[in-house]
Every structure is written in structure tokens, then in C-alpha cells.
Amino acid sequence: MSERILLVDDEKDFVETLAERMRSRDMTVSTATSAAGALDLIEEKSFDAIVLDLQMPGMDGLEALEMIKAKNPNLQVILLTGQATVEKGIQAMKLGAMDLLEKPADIDTLTEKIKKASAKKMVLVNEETEKKIKEIMGGKGW
């Protein structure tokens, strides 16, 4: 099964190049060049993982992460940054980021993180579905 990922970075050339590299690894890729654009896409499509730039004009990666997690806590977000700080990394993890990688990220490392994110999302969705089924079955009094 092909991972469905969303790449978000305000640097258009970077996001397009990364998208091609991910597609060559049999991933289904959507792109956005702003956090607002990413939030719109999340409303329209389903993703296994989101690779999100930390530093963007307007809404930054941390603000976007917070909004993404509020909309869908099961979405797995990997943050990319050119200016990694321990403080930002800790804040990102507290907000629910799966990982934080420095640019330029090693493509094999990023691919591995995306595959792990996809597997983690699948487990979370399965657990949520099982819980809903138990609630439905428990409420029927059979």
C-alpha cells in the first residue's frame, strides 16, 4: 500500500523536488506551500503522514501542527526545519509532532519516518474503530 503524504513548505522548488523523490519511492504525494493551504487539503483528503516545515511566513509550523492535531489527532506530523532548536523541538513534541528533522533531511531517514508514521496512524485508527464497535455493541444489550 502506498503511503499518502502531504508535504508543506513555503519554498516551492524544495517541496516540488521532495515530492518527486517521494513519488519515486511509490508514495502518493500532495503538496502545499503554506500552512493555510495544508489545512484546506486536510479537509479534502486523507493522509497517512504530513511533513511540515517549521519556519513559514504567516502561520508557522507549530501553529499549523496545533490546528492539524485539533482537527485530527491521528494524523502523524513530521516537522522539518533549517533552524532546529531544542526549545522548538520540545514544543513540537508537546503539541503532538511525531518527529523533528533538520534540513536537508536524509531522504532514507525521512522515508523511514514516513513509513513509521503511516503504521502508527493505522494502529491509532484501528484502536479507535475497535473502541467505537465495543461502545455500539455494549449499548445494544444483546
Protein backbone atom coordinates (compact mmCIF):
# COMPACT_ATOMS: atom_id res chain seq x y z
CA MET A 1 0.00 0.00 0.00
CA SER A 2 1.29 3.41 -0.96
CA GLU A 3 1.68 5.96 1.82
CA ARG A 4 -0.39 9.10 1.29
CA ILE A 5 1.63 12.09 2.39
CA LEU A 6 1.28 15.85 2.42
CA LEU A 7 4.43 17.94 2.04
CA VAL A 8 4.18 21.51 3.32
CA ASP A 9 6.95 24.06 2.75
CA ASP A 10 6.90 27.69 1.62
CA GLU A 11 9.90 27.03 -0.66
CA LYS A 12 8.16 25.87 -3.84
CA ASP A 13 11.26 24.38 -5.50
CA PHE A 14 12.12 22.44 -2.35
CA VAL A 15 8.63 20.99 -1.92
CA GLU A 16 8.38 20.01 -5.60
CA THR A 17 11.79 18.32 -5.57
CA LEU A 18 10.98 16.46 -2.35
CA ALA A 19 7.60 15.42 -3.78
CA GLU A 20 9.30 13.87 -6.83
CA ARG A 21 11.74 12.00 -4.61
CA MET A 22 8.87 10.63 -2.51
CA ARG A 23 6.86 9.66 -5.61
CA SER A 24 9.87 7.72 -6.87
CA ARG A 25 9.54 5.72 -3.63
CA ASP A 26 5.95 4.81 -4.55
CA MET A 27 4.29 7.33 -2.24
CA THR A 28 1.16 9.29 -3.12
CA VAL A 29 2.11 12.92 -2.58
CA SER A 30 0.16 16.16 -2.26
CA THR A 31 1.88 19.49 -1.67
CA ALA A 32 1.10 22.86 -0.15
CA THR A 33 3.24 25.99 0.02
CA SER A 34 1.50 27.43 3.10
CA ALA A 35 0.01 26.21 6.35
CA ALA A 36 -3.40 27.54 5.29
CA GLY A 37 -3.19 25.56 2.04
CA ALA A 38 -2.26 22.45 4.02
CA LEU A 39 -5.25 22.86 6.35
CA ASP A 40 -7.54 23.12 3.32
CA LEU A 41 -6.10 19.91 1.84
CA ILE A 42 -6.53 18.07 5.14
CA GLU A 43 -10.24 18.88 4.96
CA GLU A 44 -10.46 17.41 1.43
CA LYS A 45 -8.17 14.37 1.53
CA SER A 46 -6.90 11.67 3.87
CA PHE A 47 -3.18 11.46 4.66
CA ASP A 48 -1.02 8.94 6.49
CA ALA A 49 1.67 11.50 7.30
CA ILE A 50 2.34 15.20 6.98
CA VAL A 51 5.85 16.57 6.51
CA LEU A 52 5.64 20.17 7.68
CA ASP A 53 8.19 22.99 7.56
CA LEU A 54 8.66 24.65 10.93
CA GLN A 55 9.55 28.14 9.64
CA MET A 56 6.98 29.61 7.25
CA PRO A 57 5.65 33.12 6.78
CA GLY A 58 2.20 33.77 8.18
CA MET A 59 1.26 30.70 10.16
CA ASP A 60 4.37 28.78 11.24
CA GLY A 61 4.72 25.02 11.58
CA LEU A 62 3.93 24.94 15.31
CA GLU A 63 0.67 26.85 14.84
CA ALA A 64 -0.24 24.59 11.92
CA LEU A 65 0.64 21.49 13.95
CA GLU A 66 -1.68 22.60 16.74
CA MET A 67 -4.56 23.15 14.29
CA ILE A 68 -3.90 19.84 12.48
CA LYS A 69 -3.95 17.89 15.75
CA ALA A 70 -7.13 19.67 16.86
CA LYS A 71 -8.85 18.62 13.61
CA ASN A 72 -7.50 15.06 13.54
CA PRO A 73 -5.37 13.79 16.44
CA ASN A 74 -4.49 10.61 14.49
CA LEU A 75 -2.60 12.50 11.78
CA GLN A 76 1.13 11.96 12.13
CA VAL A 77 3.23 15.07 11.62
CA ILE A 78 6.97 15.18 10.96
CA LEU A 79 8.46 18.66 11.21
CA LEU A 80 11.38 19.81 9.05
CA THR A 81 13.48 22.79 10.00
CA GLY A 82 16.57 24.62 8.89
CA GLN A 83 16.92 26.20 12.34
CA ALA A 84 16.37 23.42 14.85
CA THR A 85 16.41 24.43 18.49
CA VAL A 86 15.88 22.20 21.48
CA GLU A 87 13.13 24.55 22.68
CA LYS A 88 11.19 24.32 19.39
CA GLY A 89 11.68 20.55 19.32
CA ILE A 90 10.27 20.13 22.81
CA GLN A 91 7.35 22.41 21.99
CA ALA A 92 6.64 20.43 18.80
CA MET A 93 6.61 17.12 20.68
CA LYS A 94 4.29 18.55 23.34
CA LEU A 95 1.91 19.61 20.55
CA GLY A 96 1.92 16.08 19.14
CA ALA A 97 4.61 16.01 16.46
CA MET A 98 5.94 12.55 15.75
CA ASP A 99 9.44 13.78 14.94
CA LEU A 100 11.60 16.78 14.08
CA LEU A 101 14.28 16.55 11.39
CA GLU A 102 16.83 19.13 10.29
CA LYS A 103 17.03 20.25 6.67
CA PRO A 104 18.37 18.92 4.48
CA ALA A 105 16.90 15.67 5.77
CA ASP A 106 18.44 12.43 4.61
CA ILE A 107 15.89 11.01 2.15
CA ASP A 108 16.18 7.46 3.51
CA THR A 109 15.68 8.67 7.08
CA LEU A 110 12.66 10.73 6.03
CA THR A 111 11.21 7.78 4.09
CA GLU A 112 11.62 5.55 7.14
CA LYS A 113 9.93 8.14 9.39
CA ILE A 114 7.02 8.42 6.93
CA LYS A 115 6.55 4.64 6.88
CA LYS A 116 6.57 4.58 10.70
CA ALA A 117 4.07 7.45 10.77
CA SER A 118 1.78 5.58 8.39
CA ALA A 119 1.94 2.43 10.53
CA LYS A 120 1.30 4.42 13.72
CA LYS A 121 -1.72 6.14 12.19
CA MET A 122 -3.10 2.76 11.12
CA VAL A 123 -2.78 1.41 14.67
CA LEU A 124 -4.48 4.50 16.14
CA VAL A 125 -7.35 4.33 13.64
CA ASN A 126 -7.82 0.59 14.30
CA GLU A 127 -7.89 1.18 18.07
CA GLU A 128 -10.43 3.98 17.63
CA THR A 129 -12.62 1.75 15.43
CA GLU A 130 -12.48 -1.12 17.93
CA LYS A 131 -13.47 1.24 20.73
CA LYS A 132 -16.46 2.52 18.73
CA ILE A 133 -17.57 -1.04 17.92
CA LYS A 134 -17.38 -2.03 21.62
CA GLU A 135 -19.41 1.06 22.55
CA ILE A 136 -22.05 0.21 19.97
CA MET A 137 -22.17 -3.45 20.95
CA GLY A 138 -22.22 -2.63 24.67
CA GLY A 139 -25.08 -0.21 24.24
CA LYS A 140 -27.34 -2.74 22.48
CA GLY A 141 -27.79 -5.04 25.47
CA TRP A 142 -27.52 -8.21 23.39
